[in-house]
Protein backbone atom coordinates (compact mmCIF):
# COMPACT_ATOMS: atom_id res chain seq x y z
CA MET A 1 71.42 -34.47 -23.92
CA LYS A 2 70.97 -30.86 -25.04
CA LYS A 3 68.68 -31.97 -27.87
CA ASN A 4 66.52 -33.87 -25.39
CA LYS A 5 66.35 -30.84 -23.07
CA ASP A 6 65.36 -28.61 -25.98
CA ALA A 7 62.67 -31.10 -27.01
CA LEU A 8 61.23 -31.15 -23.49
CA ARG A 9 61.23 -27.36 -23.31
CA PHE A 10 59.40 -26.97 -26.61
CA GLN A 11 56.98 -29.76 -25.73
CA ALA A 12 56.10 -27.94 -22.52
CA TYR A 13 55.92 -24.62 -24.36
CA ARG A 14 53.47 -25.96 -26.94
CA ALA A 15 51.35 -27.77 -24.36
CA ILE A 16 50.98 -24.70 -22.11
CA LYS A 17 50.35 -22.38 -25.06
CA GLU A 18 47.55 -24.65 -26.29
CA LYS A 19 45.95 -24.61 -22.85
CA ILE A 20 46.03 -20.80 -22.90
CA ILE A 21 44.80 -20.37 -26.47
CA TYR A 22 41.92 -22.81 -25.99
CA LEU A 23 41.03 -21.27 -22.60
CA GLU A 24 41.79 -24.35 -20.54
CA LEU A 25 43.85 -21.81 -18.64
CA LYS A 26 41.86 -18.57 -18.48
CA PRO A 27 43.06 -14.95 -18.31
CA GLY A 28 44.26 -14.21 -14.79
CA GLU A 29 44.49 -17.87 -13.80
CA LYS A 30 47.62 -18.92 -11.90
CA ILE A 31 49.75 -21.55 -13.63
CA SER A 32 51.20 -24.24 -11.39
CA GLU A 33 54.70 -25.26 -12.37
CA LYS A 34 54.34 -28.50 -10.40
CA GLU A 35 50.99 -29.43 -11.98
CA ILE A 36 52.31 -28.86 -15.49
CA ALA A 37 55.47 -30.85 -14.70
CA ASP A 38 53.42 -33.73 -13.31
CA GLU A 39 51.04 -33.68 -16.29
CA LEU A 40 53.89 -33.80 -18.81
CA ASN A 41 55.97 -36.17 -16.69
CA ALA A 42 58.88 -33.71 -16.86
CA SER A 43 61.21 -32.01 -14.42
CA ARG A 44 60.59 -28.42 -13.47
CA THR A 45 63.55 -27.08 -15.47
CA PRO A 46 62.00 -27.35 -18.96
CA ILE A 47 58.68 -26.11 -17.55
CA ARG A 48 60.38 -23.04 -16.12
CA GLU A 49 62.13 -22.43 -19.44
CA ALA A 50 58.80 -22.77 -21.27
CA PHE A 51 57.29 -20.20 -18.89
CA LEU A 52 60.04 -17.74 -19.80
CA MET A 53 59.35 -18.26 -23.53
CA LEU A 54 55.63 -17.63 -23.00
CA GLU A 55 56.36 -14.58 -20.85
CA HIS A 56 58.49 -13.19 -23.69
CA GLU A 57 55.49 -13.63 -26.01
CA LYS A 58 53.31 -11.81 -23.46
CA LEU A 59 50.95 -14.74 -23.04
CA ILE A 60 51.77 -15.09 -19.34
CA VAL A 61 53.05 -12.71 -16.68
CA CYS A 62 55.13 -13.16 -13.55
CA LYS A 63 54.09 -11.40 -10.36
CA ASP A 64 57.11 -11.83 -8.13
CA SER A 65 56.30 -14.19 -5.27
CA LEU A 66 52.87 -15.03 -6.73
CA GLY A 67 54.45 -16.82 -9.68
CA PHE A 68 53.13 -17.02 -13.22
CA SER A 69 49.59 -16.46 -14.40
CA VAL A 70 47.84 -16.10 -17.75
CA ARG A 71 47.89 -12.55 -19.04
CA ARG A 72 44.77 -10.44 -18.55
CA PHE A 73 43.57 -8.01 -21.21
CA ASN A 74 41.89 -4.68 -20.56
CA MET A 75 39.38 -2.91 -22.77
CA GLN A 76 42.05 -0.72 -24.38
CA ASP A 77 44.07 -3.82 -25.31
CA ILE A 78 41.02 -5.28 -27.02
CA ALA A 79 40.21 -2.05 -28.87
CA GLU A 80 43.77 -1.71 -30.18
CA TYR A 81 43.92 -5.38 -31.13
CA TYR A 82 40.80 -5.15 -33.30
CA GLU A 83 41.82 -1.83 -34.84
CA LEU A 84 45.14 -3.40 -35.81
CA ARG A 85 43.38 -6.49 -37.11
CA ILE A 86 41.11 -4.39 -39.34
CA ALA A 87 44.12 -2.53 -40.77
CA ILE A 88 45.87 -5.82 -41.52
CA GLU A 89 42.75 -7.34 -43.09
CA ASP A 90 42.18 -4.32 -45.34
CA PHE A 91 45.75 -4.52 -46.64
CA ALA A 92 45.72 -8.32 -46.94
CA MET A 93 42.39 -8.52 -48.75
CA THR A 94 43.49 -6.00 -51.36
CA LEU A 95 46.52 -8.17 -52.15
CA MET A 96 44.54 -11.39 -51.95
CA MET A 97 41.83 -10.25 -54.37
CA ASP A 98 44.41 -9.73 -57.12
CA ARG A 99 46.35 -12.93 -56.45
CA ILE A 100 43.98 -15.66 -55.31
CA THR A 101 43.62 -18.69 -57.58
CA GLN A 102 40.62 -20.89 -58.30
CA LYS A 103 42.37 -23.70 -56.44
CA GLU A 104 42.64 -21.49 -53.35
CA ILE A 105 38.97 -20.53 -53.61
CA GLY A 106 38.27 -24.25 -53.71
CA LEU A 107 40.23 -24.67 -50.46
CA LEU A 108 38.13 -21.94 -48.83
CA LYS A 109 34.94 -23.74 -49.89
CA ALA A 110 36.30 -27.04 -48.55
CA ASN A 111 37.05 -25.32 -45.25
CA VAL A 112 33.46 -24.08 -45.03
CA ARG A 113 32.15 -27.60 -45.68
CA ASP A 114 34.38 -28.94 -42.90
CA CYS A 115 33.22 -26.20 -40.53
CA LYS A 116 29.57 -27.05 -41.14
CA ARG A 117 30.24 -30.65 -40.15
CA ILE A 118 32.34 -29.68 -37.13
CA ILE A 119 29.76 -27.20 -35.83
CA LYS A 120 27.15 -29.96 -35.86
CA GLN A 121 29.53 -32.10 -33.79
CA GLY A 122 30.04 -29.26 -31.32
CA ASN A 123 33.81 -29.74 -30.90
CA ILE A 124 34.92 -26.25 -29.86
CA LYS A 125 38.64 -26.88 -30.40
CA GLU A 126 37.99 -28.07 -33.94
CA ILE A 127 35.63 -25.15 -34.58
CA ILE A 128 38.35 -22.70 -33.54
CA ARG A 129 40.94 -24.56 -35.63
CA CYS A 130 38.68 -24.50 -38.67
CA GLU A 131 37.90 -20.79 -38.28
CA SER A 132 41.60 -20.01 -37.94
CA GLU A 133 42.42 -22.09 -41.01
CA PHE A 134 39.95 -20.06 -43.12
CA HIS A 135 41.76 -16.81 -42.32
CA GLU A 136 45.17 -18.40 -42.80
CA LEU A 137 44.11 -19.53 -46.29
CA LEU A 138 43.18 -15.93 -47.10
CA TYR A 139 46.53 -14.64 -45.84
CA ARG A 140 48.48 -17.25 -47.80
CA ALA A 141 46.54 -16.35 -50.94
CA THR A 142 48.20 -12.91 -50.81
CA LYS A 143 51.52 -14.59 -51.80
CA SER A 144 53.20 -11.98 -49.59
CA GLU A 145 56.12 -13.12 -47.44
CA ILE A 146 56.23 -9.67 -45.82
CA LEU A 147 52.61 -9.96 -44.71
CA MET A 148 53.12 -13.49 -43.39
CA ASP A 149 56.24 -12.42 -41.46
CA THR A 150 54.35 -9.46 -40.02
CA ILE A 151 51.38 -11.44 -38.74
CA LEU A 152 53.47 -14.37 -37.47
CA CYS A 153 54.00 -12.74 -34.08
CA LEU A 154 50.27 -11.94 -33.87
CA THR A 155 48.91 -15.33 -34.85
CA ASP A 156 48.59 -16.66 -31.31
CA LYS A 157 46.78 -13.49 -30.19
CA PHE A 158 44.40 -13.84 -33.15
CA HIS A 159 43.76 -17.43 -32.10
CA TRP A 160 43.28 -16.49 -28.44
CA PHE A 161 40.69 -13.80 -29.11
CA ARG A 162 39.01 -16.08 -31.62
CA SER A 163 38.61 -18.69 -28.85
CA LEU A 164 36.94 -16.11 -26.63
CA ALA A 165 34.57 -14.97 -29.37
CA LEU A 166 33.64 -18.43 -30.68
CA GLY A 167 32.93 -19.84 -27.24
CA MET A 168 29.64 -17.96 -27.04
CA ASP A 169 26.30 -19.37 -28.21
CA GLY A 170 25.64 -18.88 -31.91
CA ALA A 171 29.06 -17.38 -32.60
CA ALA A 172 30.40 -20.29 -34.65
CA GLN A 173 27.39 -20.32 -36.99
CA ASP A 174 27.57 -16.53 -37.40
CA ALA A 175 31.26 -16.81 -38.32
CA LEU A 176 30.48 -19.56 -40.83
CA ASN A 177 27.77 -17.41 -42.45
CA HIS A 178 30.28 -14.57 -42.79
CA HIS A 179 32.81 -16.92 -44.38
CA GLU A 180 30.29 -18.09 -46.98
CA LEU A 181 29.51 -14.47 -47.83
CA MET A 182 33.22 -13.65 -48.10
CA ILE A 183 33.75 -16.41 -50.65
CA LYS A 184 30.89 -15.08 -52.81
CA LEU A 185 32.37 -11.58 -52.66
CA ILE A 186 35.81 -12.92 -53.61
CA GLU A 187 34.35 -14.77 -56.59
CA ASN A 188 32.57 -11.56 -57.65
CA LYS A 189 35.80 -9.55 -57.24
CA ASP A 190 33.91 -7.17 -54.92
CA ILE A 191 36.77 -5.81 -52.80
CA GLU A 192 34.73 -3.07 -51.11
CA GLY A 193 31.98 -5.53 -50.22
CA LEU A 194 34.59 -7.97 -48.90
CA LYS A 195 36.21 -5.34 -46.67
CA ALA A 196 32.80 -4.27 -45.33
CA SER A 197 31.93 -7.90 -44.60
CA ILE A 198 35.21 -8.47 -42.74
CA HIS A 199 34.70 -5.29 -40.72
CA GLN A 200 31.27 -6.56 -39.69
CA HIS A 201 32.75 -10.00 -38.93
CA LEU A 202 35.35 -8.43 -36.63
CA ASP A 203 32.86 -6.03 -35.04
CA TYR A 204 30.68 -8.99 -34.02
CA ALA A 205 33.70 -10.81 -32.61
CA ARG A 206 34.85 -7.71 -30.76
CA SER A 207 31.44 -7.17 -29.12
CA ARG A 208 31.42 -10.78 -27.92
CA VAL A 209 34.93 -10.50 -26.51
CA ASN A 210 34.06 -7.20 -24.80
CA ASN A 211 31.10 -8.86 -23.10
CA LEU A 212 33.10 -11.89 -22.01
CA ILE A 213 36.40 -10.28 -21.02
CA ARG A 214 34.74 -8.44 -18.13
CA PHE A 215 34.79 -11.73 -16.26
CA PHE A 216 38.58 -11.88 -16.56
CA ILE A 217 39.60 -8.26 -15.83
């Protein structure tokens, strides 16, 4: 029985998190316990437990009698997020440049080919997934367990902000162009050029998020 309860809780947790990350539930939007329970054909107990897990991860907030809603971000949150992301990328890319294999470069190129096809199809969820996979491949190429452990708790935030940035017109193609350039710089062992390219990549994303987040503050 406990195993079944745990399974229901984690099923609800994953389903709600996906709705948040892919902006089906937007920042500031109230989350209905009953609607989620009905959608998943579950009782309210595992839904409530899933809410508490998501609150612990700071993806949702509880406002007393108003119940749970998706967390809002302010401009300072966004600034600090991107400053932290740049610091992580600088460290990660230095490690990656020394440790990446030809096979891993091949995986990056395969990812870019997939993204080109997906962008033509216009499937935003798959575009976001493909973009996220590119960066995960770079992180894994560092061969650093410490780095992976450090970014684990930030992965969902990375994904969330990526969804905001990529939802705007032209953003997916811009990101793809940056990824193609990054691969060339990796092959040329140009670490300074790679870092500059990633900074520009993140600056573009940050400007898009800044423009969009005003609707959710």
